[in-house]
Amino acid sequence: MSIEVTKPAYQWFKDEFNLEGTEYMRIFVRYGGCGSFQQGFSLGIVKEEPKDAAIEVNMEGTIFFIEKEDMWYFDGKGVKIKYSRTKEEIEFVQA
C-alpha cells in the first residue's frame, strides 16, 4: 500500500488549501460518489492532523495520510493522486 502525489496535484493542493510549512492532508473514505476502488464509496480530502495514521507520505512538508479505519477501502492497493488538466481537479487512481 502506498500513496503517490504527482507534482501538478501537489500544486493544486497548495493553491486550494493555502499550504505552508508542515501541513496534514487526510485522505478519507466517504459513502457515495464514484470511486475507483470500491463501488458505492469515494475518497475525500480534509486538512487535519492524524489520529491513527496507517500510512503517510511527505511531499515538500505536507503529510498526506490515510487513517487505519479507512484502509479497508484500498484492499491493499496503492493510491495515486493526480491532477486532471481537462477537468481542472484532482483524481484518485489505483497505483
C-alpha atoms as a PDB file:
ATOM      1  CA  MET A   1       0.000   0.000   0.000  1.00  0.00           C
ATOM      2  CA  SER A   2       1.370   3.393  -0.955  1.00  0.00           C
ATOM      3  CA  ILE A   3       0.336   6.990  -1.532  1.00  0.00           C
ATOM      4  CA  GLU A   4       1.744   8.880  -4.501  1.00  0.00           C
ATOM      5  CA  VAL A   5       1.079  12.565  -5.160  1.00  0.00           C
ATOM      6  CA  THR A   6       2.126  13.995  -8.524  1.00  0.00           C
ATOM      7  CA  LYS A   7       3.738  17.439  -8.652  1.00  0.00           C
ATOM      8  CA  PRO A   8       0.779  19.032 -10.502  1.00  0.00           C
ATOM      9  CA  ALA A   9      -1.613  17.555  -7.901  1.00  0.00           C
ATOM     10  CA  TYR A  10       0.550  18.880  -5.076  1.00  0.00           C
ATOM     11  CA  GLN A  11       0.493  22.347  -6.651  1.00  0.00           C
ATOM     12  CA  TRP A  12      -3.319  22.138  -6.773  1.00  0.00           C
ATOM     13  CA  PHE A  13      -3.371  21.322  -3.042  1.00  0.00           C
ATOM     14  CA  LYS A  14      -1.024  24.213  -2.279  1.00  0.00           C
ATOM     15  CA  ASP A  15      -3.280  26.621  -4.146  1.00  0.00           C
ATOM     16  CA  GLU A  16      -6.642  25.283  -2.894  1.00  0.00           C
ATOM     17  CA  PHE A  17      -5.681  24.752   0.764  1.00  0.00           C
ATOM     18  CA  ASN A  18      -3.071  27.539   1.137  1.00  0.00           C
ATOM     19  CA  LEU A  19      -0.456  25.049   2.313  1.00  0.00           C
ATOM     20  CA  GLU A  20       2.596  26.481   4.062  1.00  0.00           C
ATOM     21  CA  GLY A  21       5.176  24.758   6.230  1.00  0.00           C
ATOM     22  CA  THR A  22       4.195  21.446   7.799  1.00  0.00           C
ATOM     23  CA  GLU A  23       0.564  20.630   6.982  1.00  0.00           C
ATOM     24  CA  TYR A  24      -1.510  17.432   7.128  1.00  0.00           C
ATOM     25  CA  MET A  25      -3.957  16.274   4.460  1.00  0.00           C
ATOM     26  CA  ARG A  26      -6.164  13.303   5.305  1.00  0.00           C
ATOM     27  CA  ILE A  27      -7.447  11.047   2.522  1.00  0.00           C
ATOM     28  CA  PHE A  28     -10.695   9.538   3.801  1.00  0.00           C
ATOM     29  CA  VAL A  29     -13.475   7.240   2.621  1.00  0.00           C
ATOM     30  CA  ARG A  30     -16.976   8.601   2.199  1.00  0.00           C
ATOM     31  CA  TYR A  31     -20.242   6.969   1.251  1.00  0.00           C
ATOM     32  CA  GLY A  32     -21.467   7.660  -2.286  1.00  0.00           C
ATOM     33  CA  GLY A  33     -19.830   9.148  -5.319  1.00  0.00           C
ATOM     34  CA  CYS A  34     -17.778   7.447  -7.988  1.00  0.00           C
ATOM     35  CA  GLY A  35     -14.699   5.789  -6.569  1.00  0.00           C
ATOM     36  CA  SER A  36     -12.156   3.698  -8.411  1.00  0.00           C
ATOM     37  CA  PHE A  37     -11.597   1.178  -5.601  1.00  0.00           C
ATOM     38  CA  GLN A  38     -14.925   0.111  -4.039  1.00  0.00           C
ATOM     39  CA  GLN A  39     -18.346   0.587  -5.629  1.00  0.00           C
ATOM     40  CA  GLY A  40     -20.638   2.974  -3.736  1.00  0.00           C
ATOM     41  CA  PHE A  41     -17.805   4.827  -2.000  1.00  0.00           C
ATOM     42  CA  SER A  42     -15.375   7.573  -2.962  1.00  0.00           C
ATOM     43  CA  LEU A  43     -12.452   9.471  -1.476  1.00  0.00           C
ATOM     44  CA  GLY A  44     -12.348  12.883   0.100  1.00  0.00           C
ATOM     45  CA  ILE A  45      -9.614  15.175   1.377  1.00  0.00           C
ATOM     46  CA  VAL A  46      -9.576  17.266   4.529  1.00  0.00           C
ATOM     47  CA  LYS A  47      -6.881  19.346   6.196  1.00  0.00           C
ATOM     48  CA  GLU A  48      -6.463  17.827   9.680  1.00  0.00           C
ATOM     49  CA  GLU A  49      -3.855  16.168  11.856  1.00  0.00           C
ATOM     50  CA  PRO A  50      -3.685  12.363  12.071  1.00  0.00           C
ATOM     51  CA  LYS A  51      -5.192  10.425  14.958  1.00  0.00           C
ATOM     52  CA  ASP A  52      -4.170   6.877  13.984  1.00  0.00           C
ATOM     53  CA  ALA A  53      -2.443   7.006  10.593  1.00  0.00           C
ATOM     54  CA  ALA A  54      -1.749   3.723   8.849  1.00  0.00           C
ATOM     55  CA  ILE A  55       0.286   5.185   6.016  1.00  0.00           C
ATOM     56  CA  GLU A  56       1.676   8.578   5.104  1.00  0.00           C
ATOM     57  CA  VAL A  57       3.873  10.312   2.571  1.00  0.00           C
ATOM     58  CA  ASN A  58       5.697  13.631   2.880  1.00  0.00           C
ATOM     59  CA  MET A  59       5.511  15.903  -0.155  1.00  0.00           C
ATOM     60  CA  GLU A  60       7.584  19.053   0.385  1.00  0.00           C
ATOM     61  CA  GLY A  61       6.492  19.351   4.020  1.00  0.00           C
ATOM     62  CA  THR A  62       2.856  18.352   3.511  1.00  0.00           C
ATOM     63  CA  ILE A  63       1.976  14.986   5.017  1.00  0.00           C
ATOM     64  CA  PHE A  64      -0.704  13.076   3.086  1.00  0.00           C
ATOM     65  CA  PHE A  65      -2.084  10.215   5.161  1.00  0.00           C
ATOM     66  CA  ILE A  66      -4.783   7.559   5.492  1.00  0.00           C
ATOM     67  CA  GLU A  67      -6.165   6.526   8.874  1.00  0.00           C
ATOM     68  CA  LYS A  68      -6.248   2.847   9.836  1.00  0.00           C
ATOM     69  CA  GLU A  69     -10.065   2.866   9.849  1.00  0.00           C
ATOM     70  CA  ASP A  70     -10.099   3.662   6.099  1.00  0.00           C
ATOM     71  CA  MET A  71      -7.564   1.069   4.923  1.00  0.00           C
ATOM     72  CA  TRP A  72     -10.273  -1.496   4.039  1.00  0.00           C
ATOM     73  CA  TYR A  73     -11.279   0.667   1.067  1.00  0.00           C
ATOM     74  CA  PHE A  74      -7.964   0.212  -0.747  1.00  0.00           C
ATOM     75  CA  ASP A  75      -7.839  -3.587  -0.484  1.00  0.00           C
ATOM     76  CA  GLY A  76      -4.035  -3.489  -0.330  1.00  0.00           C
ATOM     77  CA  LYS A  77      -3.676  -1.368  -3.481  1.00  0.00           C
ATOM     78  CA  GLY A  78      -1.797   1.919  -3.617  1.00  0.00           C
ATOM     79  CA  VAL A  79      -3.401   5.248  -4.465  1.00  0.00           C
ATOM     80  CA  LYS A  80      -2.054   7.876  -6.841  1.00  0.00           C
ATOM     81  CA  ILE A  81      -3.364  11.432  -6.654  1.00  0.00           C
ATOM     82  CA  LYS A  82      -3.004  13.259  -9.936  1.00  0.00           C
ATOM     83  CA  TYR A  83      -4.268  16.476 -11.459  1.00  0.00           C
ATOM     84  CA  SER A  84      -6.559  16.378 -14.494  1.00  0.00           C
ATOM     85  CA  ARG A  85      -5.916  19.402 -16.695  1.00  0.00           C
ATOM     86  CA  THR A  86      -9.117  18.776 -18.676  1.00  0.00           C
ATOM     87  CA  LYS A  87     -11.321  18.645 -15.553  1.00  0.00           C
ATOM     88  CA  GLU A  88      -9.153  21.098 -13.577  1.00  0.00           C
ATOM     89  CA  GLU A  89      -9.377  18.939 -10.460  1.00  0.00           C
ATOM     90  CA  ILE A  90      -7.578  16.111  -8.706  1.00  0.00           C
ATOM     91  CA  GLU A  91      -8.268  12.430  -9.355  1.00  0.00           C
ATOM     92  CA  PHE A  92      -7.604   9.316  -7.292  1.00  0.00           C
ATOM     93  CA  VAL A  93      -6.434   6.272  -9.245  1.00  0.00           C
ATOM     94  CA  GLN A  94      -5.040   2.900  -8.269  1.00  0.00           C
ATOM     95  CA  ALA A  95      -1.247   2.874  -8.230  1.00  0.00           C
END
